[in-house]
């Protein structure tokens, strides 16, 4: 126990600049350096593989699933079909996005100065629907996750490049997301950082805690836990906000709603911390 407390104290000290006022650029440097020191044998580019960058045995099993017949393939195929199916007015999702919506995942979420808000990819997908007189899709899973997965698949290999402009509104959203990431909550009094920074690489029961660095690169993800009891091509598939809600429940905290300002701000900070890594969506995760 004493050794654990020493390790936690050292970890908190290493990330101390993030707790006070610092620029996003300074935060990013500190964040990367922390993981470089924690896992010196892990290449920066390998963090897109989550826990499979840390455990050779798990990686081998995962790689076999990915190379043979990944369970998210049908969801990507459905997402492609939905993406290209015209709305009632004859337009498609391509009409709403730069580059017709292909190869753009790495730019989301972004700060929209005109509207003064952060826009996630899933929010943009539903915005496209409402602009074309279609009803928005339910958040978190299902068809929305499939469309997002397809758009992510077309962006594989693109470098995550989130910007926090010199705009007080953008800075406020970034800081809100950062505060959420490091704030303790729930009956277990855990923060996102407690599990995925300070205890990354450690086991919680049979699960290995993944590093926060690179986590966003592979969403939407397919999880066996989510697939249990489900059916159809989207069973098992979920967005980042679905995962945020599950994490909150695991620490016995009331989850926010998908696409709430709280989770949107968290995604903004969380994704910025993975700048420079490649998109690897969708993927299979524990």
Protein backbone atom coordinates (compact mmCIF):
# COMPACT_ATOMS: atom_id res chain seq x y z
CA UNK A 1 0.00 0.00 0.00
CA UNK A 2 2.83 2.40 0.88
CA UNK A 3 4.52 1.71 -2.46
CA UNK A 4 1.23 2.30 -4.30
CA UNK A 5 0.78 5.65 -2.57
CA UNK A 6 4.33 6.66 -3.51
CA UNK A 7 3.67 5.75 -7.14
CA UNK A 8 0.41 7.68 -7.21
CA UNK A 9 2.02 10.70 -5.60
CA UNK A 10 4.79 10.64 -8.20
CA UNK A 11 2.26 10.35 -11.02
CA UNK A 12 0.22 13.29 -9.76
CA UNK A 13 3.39 15.36 -9.39
CA UNK A 14 4.41 14.57 -12.97
CA UNK A 15 1.09 15.89 -14.25
CA UNK A 16 0.89 18.83 -11.85
CA UNK A 17 0.96 21.45 -14.64
CA UNK A 18 -2.34 20.07 -15.94
CA UNK A 19 -4.04 20.79 -12.62
CA UNK A 20 -3.35 24.53 -12.81
CA UNK A 21 -3.45 27.05 -15.64
CA UNK A 22 -1.49 25.96 -18.67
CA UNK A 23 -2.00 26.23 -22.40
CA UNK A 24 -3.35 23.30 -24.43
CA UNK A 25 0.09 22.98 -26.05
CA UNK A 26 1.76 22.72 -22.64
CA UNK A 27 -0.84 20.19 -21.50
CA UNK A 28 -0.23 18.06 -24.59
CA UNK A 29 3.52 18.04 -24.05
CA UNK A 30 3.16 17.10 -20.37
CA UNK A 31 0.63 14.37 -21.19
CA UNK A 32 2.87 12.77 -23.81
CA UNK A 33 5.93 12.95 -21.60
CA UNK A 34 4.09 11.26 -18.76
CA UNK A 35 3.24 8.21 -20.89
CA UNK A 36 6.69 8.17 -22.46
CA UNK A 37 8.16 7.81 -18.97
CA UNK A 38 5.50 5.37 -17.75
CA UNK A 39 5.85 3.01 -20.72
CA UNK A 40 9.31 3.67 -22.19
CA UNK A 41 9.18 0.61 -24.46
CA UNK A 42 5.90 1.65 -26.15
CA UNK A 43 6.30 3.66 -29.34
CA UNK A 44 4.15 6.79 -29.53
CA UNK A 45 2.43 5.53 -32.70
CA UNK A 46 1.39 2.31 -30.94
CA UNK A 47 -0.94 4.05 -28.49
CA UNK A 48 -3.71 3.84 -31.08
CA UNK A 49 -3.89 0.15 -30.15
CA UNK A 50 -4.93 0.74 -26.52
CA UNK A 51 -4.23 -2.11 -24.12
CA UNK A 52 -2.85 -4.14 -27.02
CA UNK A 53 0.17 -1.85 -27.04
CA UNK A 54 0.94 -3.04 -23.50
CA UNK A 55 0.22 -6.77 -23.45
CA UNK A 56 1.72 -9.12 -26.05
CA UNK A 57 -0.67 -12.01 -25.37
CA UNK A 58 -3.78 -9.85 -25.66
CA UNK A 59 -2.34 -8.20 -28.75
CA UNK A 60 -1.86 -11.53 -30.52
CA UNK A 61 -5.48 -12.56 -29.90
CA UNK A 62 -6.75 -9.13 -30.95
CA UNK A 63 -4.64 -9.09 -34.12
CA UNK A 64 -6.07 -12.47 -35.12
CA UNK A 65 -9.64 -11.18 -34.77
CA UNK A 66 -8.79 -8.00 -36.70
CA UNK A 67 -7.10 -9.83 -39.57
CA UNK A 68 -9.64 -12.65 -39.96
CA UNK A 69 -13.15 -11.26 -39.65
CA UNK A 70 -13.55 -8.30 -37.27
CA UNK A 71 -17.05 -8.19 -35.73
CA UNK A 72 -17.59 -4.56 -36.73
CA UNK A 73 -17.37 -5.30 -40.51
CA UNK A 74 -21.14 -5.58 -40.94
CA UNK A 75 -21.65 -2.31 -39.07
CA UNK A 76 -19.21 -0.51 -41.38
CA UNK A 77 -21.01 -1.96 -44.41
CA UNK A 78 -24.34 -0.77 -43.02
CA UNK A 79 -22.85 2.64 -42.26
CA UNK A 80 -21.64 2.94 -45.85
CA UNK A 81 -25.08 2.00 -47.17
CA UNK A 82 -26.81 4.53 -44.91
CA UNK A 83 -24.26 7.22 -45.72
CA UNK A 84 -24.94 6.85 -49.45
CA UNK A 85 -28.73 6.40 -49.27
CA UNK A 86 -30.45 9.62 -50.38
CA UNK A 87 -32.73 11.50 -48.02
CA UNK A 88 -36.28 12.24 -49.13
CA UNK A 89 -35.01 15.43 -50.79
CA UNK A 90 -32.47 13.51 -52.86
CA UNK A 91 -29.35 14.66 -51.00
CA UNK A 92 -27.01 12.43 -49.01
CA UNK A 93 -24.74 12.90 -45.99
CA UNK A 94 -21.93 13.80 -48.39
CA UNK A 95 -23.62 17.14 -49.05
CA UNK A 96 -23.11 18.24 -45.43
CA UNK A 97 -19.38 17.65 -44.96
CA UNK A 98 -16.05 18.81 -46.34
CA UNK A 99 -14.56 16.34 -48.85
CA UNK A 100 -17.99 14.72 -49.06
CA UNK A 101 -17.54 13.30 -45.57
CA UNK A 102 -14.72 10.89 -46.43
CA UNK A 103 -11.39 10.94 -44.58
CA UNK A 104 -12.36 13.70 -42.15
CA UNK A 105 -12.69 11.92 -38.78
CA UNK A 106 -9.36 13.31 -37.60
CA UNK A 107 -10.77 16.87 -37.53
CA UNK A 108 -13.55 16.15 -35.03
CA UNK A 109 -14.55 17.51 -32.61
CA UNK A 110 -13.91 21.06 -33.74
CA UNK A 111 -14.86 24.49 -32.44
CA UNK A 112 -17.41 26.25 -34.66
CA UNK A 113 -16.76 29.97 -34.16
CA UNK A 114 -19.97 30.99 -35.94
CA UNK A 115 -22.15 29.03 -33.56
CA UNK A 116 -19.80 29.33 -30.59
CA UNK A 117 -19.84 25.61 -29.83
CA UNK A 118 -17.84 22.41 -30.13
CA UNK A 119 -19.18 20.00 -32.75
CA UNK A 120 -18.58 16.24 -32.53
CA UNK A 121 -18.82 13.97 -35.57
CA UNK A 122 -21.99 12.30 -34.27
CA UNK A 123 -23.59 15.70 -33.64
CA UNK A 124 -22.67 16.74 -37.20
CA UNK A 125 -24.27 13.57 -38.59
CA UNK A 126 -27.56 14.30 -36.86
CA UNK A 127 -27.32 17.98 -37.77
CA UNK A 128 -27.04 16.88 -41.39
CA UNK A 129 -30.23 14.89 -40.99
CA UNK A 130 -32.23 17.76 -39.49
CA UNK A 131 -30.92 20.17 -42.14
CA UNK A 132 -32.38 17.79 -44.69
CA UNK A 133 -35.73 17.46 -42.91
CA UNK A 134 -34.96 14.03 -41.48
CA UNK A 135 -35.42 12.99 -37.86
CA UNK A 136 -32.21 12.71 -35.79
CA UNK A 137 -31.00 9.22 -34.96
CA UNK A 138 -30.75 7.98 -31.34
CA UNK A 139 -27.36 8.73 -29.80
CA UNK A 140 -24.68 6.31 -28.70
CA UNK A 141 -25.27 3.22 -30.81
CA UNK A 142 -27.31 1.78 -33.66
CA UNK A 143 -27.39 3.47 -37.06
CA UNK A 144 -25.66 6.63 -35.86
CA UNK A 145 -22.70 4.62 -34.58
CA UNK A 146 -22.60 2.67 -37.86
CA UNK A 147 -22.42 5.84 -39.96
CA UNK A 148 -19.73 7.22 -37.66
CA UNK A 149 -17.83 3.92 -37.89
CA UNK A 150 -17.90 4.05 -41.69
CA UNK A 151 -16.67 7.66 -41.70
CA UNK A 152 -13.95 6.65 -39.25
CA UNK A 153 -12.98 3.70 -41.45
CA UNK A 154 -12.47 6.04 -44.42
CA UNK A 155 -10.15 8.11 -42.19
CA UNK A 156 -7.82 5.34 -41.06
CA UNK A 157 -4.23 6.49 -41.12
CA UNK A 158 -5.15 10.19 -40.97
CA UNK A 159 -3.46 12.17 -38.20
CA UNK A 160 -5.65 13.52 -35.38
CA UNK A 161 -5.36 17.30 -35.53
CA UNK A 162 -7.72 19.01 -33.09
CA UNK A 163 -7.40 22.78 -32.72
CA UNK A 164 -8.22 24.94 -29.71
CA UNK A 165 -8.36 28.43 -31.21
CA UNK A 166 -7.59 31.61 -29.33
CA UNK A 167 -11.26 32.18 -28.61
CA UNK A 168 -12.51 32.43 -24.99
CA UNK A 169 -15.43 30.14 -25.79
CA UNK A 170 -13.19 27.42 -27.22
CA UNK A 171 -10.76 27.78 -24.32
CA UNK A 172 -13.64 27.48 -21.84
CA UNK A 173 -14.84 24.22 -23.43
CA UNK A 174 -11.33 22.81 -23.41
CA UNK A 175 -10.89 23.72 -19.74
CA UNK A 176 -14.28 22.24 -18.89
CA UNK A 177 -13.29 18.96 -20.51
CA UNK A 178 -9.95 18.98 -18.74
CA UNK A 179 -11.63 19.62 -15.40
CA UNK A 180 -14.02 16.71 -15.99
CA UNK A 181 -11.12 14.41 -16.88
CA UNK A 182 -9.26 15.10 -13.64
CA UNK A 183 -12.24 15.52 -11.25
CA UNK A 184 -13.22 12.66 -8.97
CA UNK A 185 -16.85 11.55 -8.98
CA UNK A 186 -19.22 8.85 -7.90
CA UNK A 187 -19.32 6.66 -4.81
CA UNK A 188 -15.91 5.23 -5.73
CA UNK A 189 -14.45 8.76 -5.97
CA UNK A 190 -12.55 8.06 -9.21
CA UNK A 191 -11.63 10.38 -12.05
CA UNK A 192 -10.94 9.44 -15.67
CA UNK A 193 -7.26 10.05 -14.90
CA UNK A 194 -7.26 7.70 -11.91
CA UNK A 195 -7.94 4.71 -14.16
CA UNK A 196 -6.46 5.72 -17.51
CA UNK A 197 -3.46 7.82 -16.48
CA UNK A 198 -2.20 6.96 -12.99
CA UNK A 199 -3.28 3.29 -13.14
CA UNK A 200 -2.97 2.70 -16.88
CA UNK A 201 -1.42 -0.69 -17.51
CA UNK A 202 -2.65 -2.06 -14.19
CA UNK A 203 -5.33 -4.73 -13.80
CA UNK A 204 -8.79 -4.21 -12.40
CA UNK A 205 -10.08 -7.75 -11.93
CA UNK A 206 -9.36 -9.42 -15.30
CA UNK A 207 -9.36 -6.18 -17.29
CA UNK A 208 -6.26 -4.20 -18.19
CA UNK A 209 -6.68 -0.43 -17.86
CA UNK A 210 -5.88 1.29 -21.13
CA UNK A 211 -3.82 4.48 -21.43
CA UNK A 212 -5.83 7.64 -22.05
CA UNK A 213 -3.35 8.56 -24.76
CA UNK A 214 -4.80 7.27 -28.04
CA UNK A 215 -8.12 6.06 -26.61
CA UNK A 216 -10.22 8.23 -28.91
CA UNK A 217 -8.44 7.03 -32.06
CA UNK A 218 -10.45 3.82 -32.38
CA UNK A 219 -14.03 4.96 -31.69
CA UNK A 220 -16.68 3.86 -32.40
CA UNK A 221 -15.68 0.49 -31.01
CA UNK A 222 -17.15 -3.00 -30.89
CA UNK A 223 -17.26 -4.59 -27.43
CA UNK A 224 -18.34 -8.12 -26.53
CA UNK A 225 -20.09 -6.74 -23.45
CA UNK A 226 -22.25 -4.50 -25.61
CA UNK A 227 -22.97 -7.30 -28.10
CA UNK A 228 -24.36 -9.65 -25.45
CA UNK A 229 -28.09 -10.09 -25.96
CA UNK A 230 -28.12 -7.91 -29.06
CA UNK A 231 -28.66 -8.79 -32.70
CA UNK A 232 -28.07 -7.24 -36.08
CA UNK A 233 -25.00 -5.57 -37.60
CA UNK A 234 -24.76 -2.80 -35.01
CA UNK A 235 -24.91 -5.06 -31.93
CA UNK A 236 -21.79 -4.44 -29.91
CA UNK A 237 -20.98 -1.10 -31.51
CA UNK A 238 -20.88 2.12 -29.51
CA UNK A 239 -19.64 5.70 -29.65
CA UNK A 240 -17.22 7.46 -27.34
CA UNK A 241 -20.07 9.07 -25.42
CA UNK A 242 -21.63 5.68 -24.82
CA UNK A 243 -18.34 4.62 -23.28
CA UNK A 244 -18.17 7.76 -21.15
CA UNK A 245 -21.59 6.91 -19.74
CA UNK A 246 -20.49 3.35 -18.96
CA UNK A 247 -17.37 4.59 -17.18
CA UNK A 248 -19.44 6.94 -15.03
CA UNK A 249 -21.74 4.09 -14.07
CA UNK A 250 -18.77 1.89 -13.17
CA UNK A 251 -17.61 4.43 -10.58
CA UNK A 252 -21.24 4.74 -9.42
CA UNK A 253 -21.73 8.26 -10.72
CA UNK A 254 -24.78 9.50 -12.58
CA UNK A 255 -23.87 9.59 -16.28
CA UNK A 256 -24.48 12.65 -18.41
CA UNK A 257 -26.49 12.30 -21.61
CA UNK A 258 -24.68 11.55 -24.89
CA UNK A 259 -23.79 14.80 -26.67
CA UNK A 260 -24.38 16.80 -23.50
CA UNK A 261 -22.11 19.81 -23.06
CA UNK A 262 -20.26 17.85 -20.36
CA UNK A 263 -19.34 14.90 -22.59
CA UNK A 264 -18.75 17.15 -25.60
CA UNK A 265 -16.22 19.18 -23.60
CA UNK A 266 -14.62 15.98 -22.32
CA UNK A 267 -14.28 14.64 -25.88
CA UNK A 268 -12.72 17.95 -26.98
CA UNK A 269 -10.00 17.73 -24.31
CA UNK A 270 -9.61 13.96 -24.59
CA UNK A 271 -9.16 14.06 -28.37
CA UNK A 272 -6.76 17.00 -28.25
CA UNK A 273 -4.56 14.91 -25.95
CA UNK A 274 -4.21 12.38 -28.80
CA UNK A 275 -3.10 14.91 -31.42
CA UNK A 276 -0.40 13.48 -33.65
CA UNK A 277 -1.70 9.91 -33.52
CA UNK A 278 -3.46 8.14 -36.40
CA UNK A 279 -7.15 7.34 -36.66
CA UNK A 280 -7.74 3.60 -36.17
CA UNK A 281 -11.53 3.45 -36.22
CA UNK A 282 -13.53 1.39 -35.76
CA UNK A 283 -11.88 -1.26 -33.67
CA UNK A 284 -12.41 -4.21 -31.38
CA UNK A 285 -11.86 -3.51 -27.67
CA UNK A 286 -12.26 -5.41 -24.40
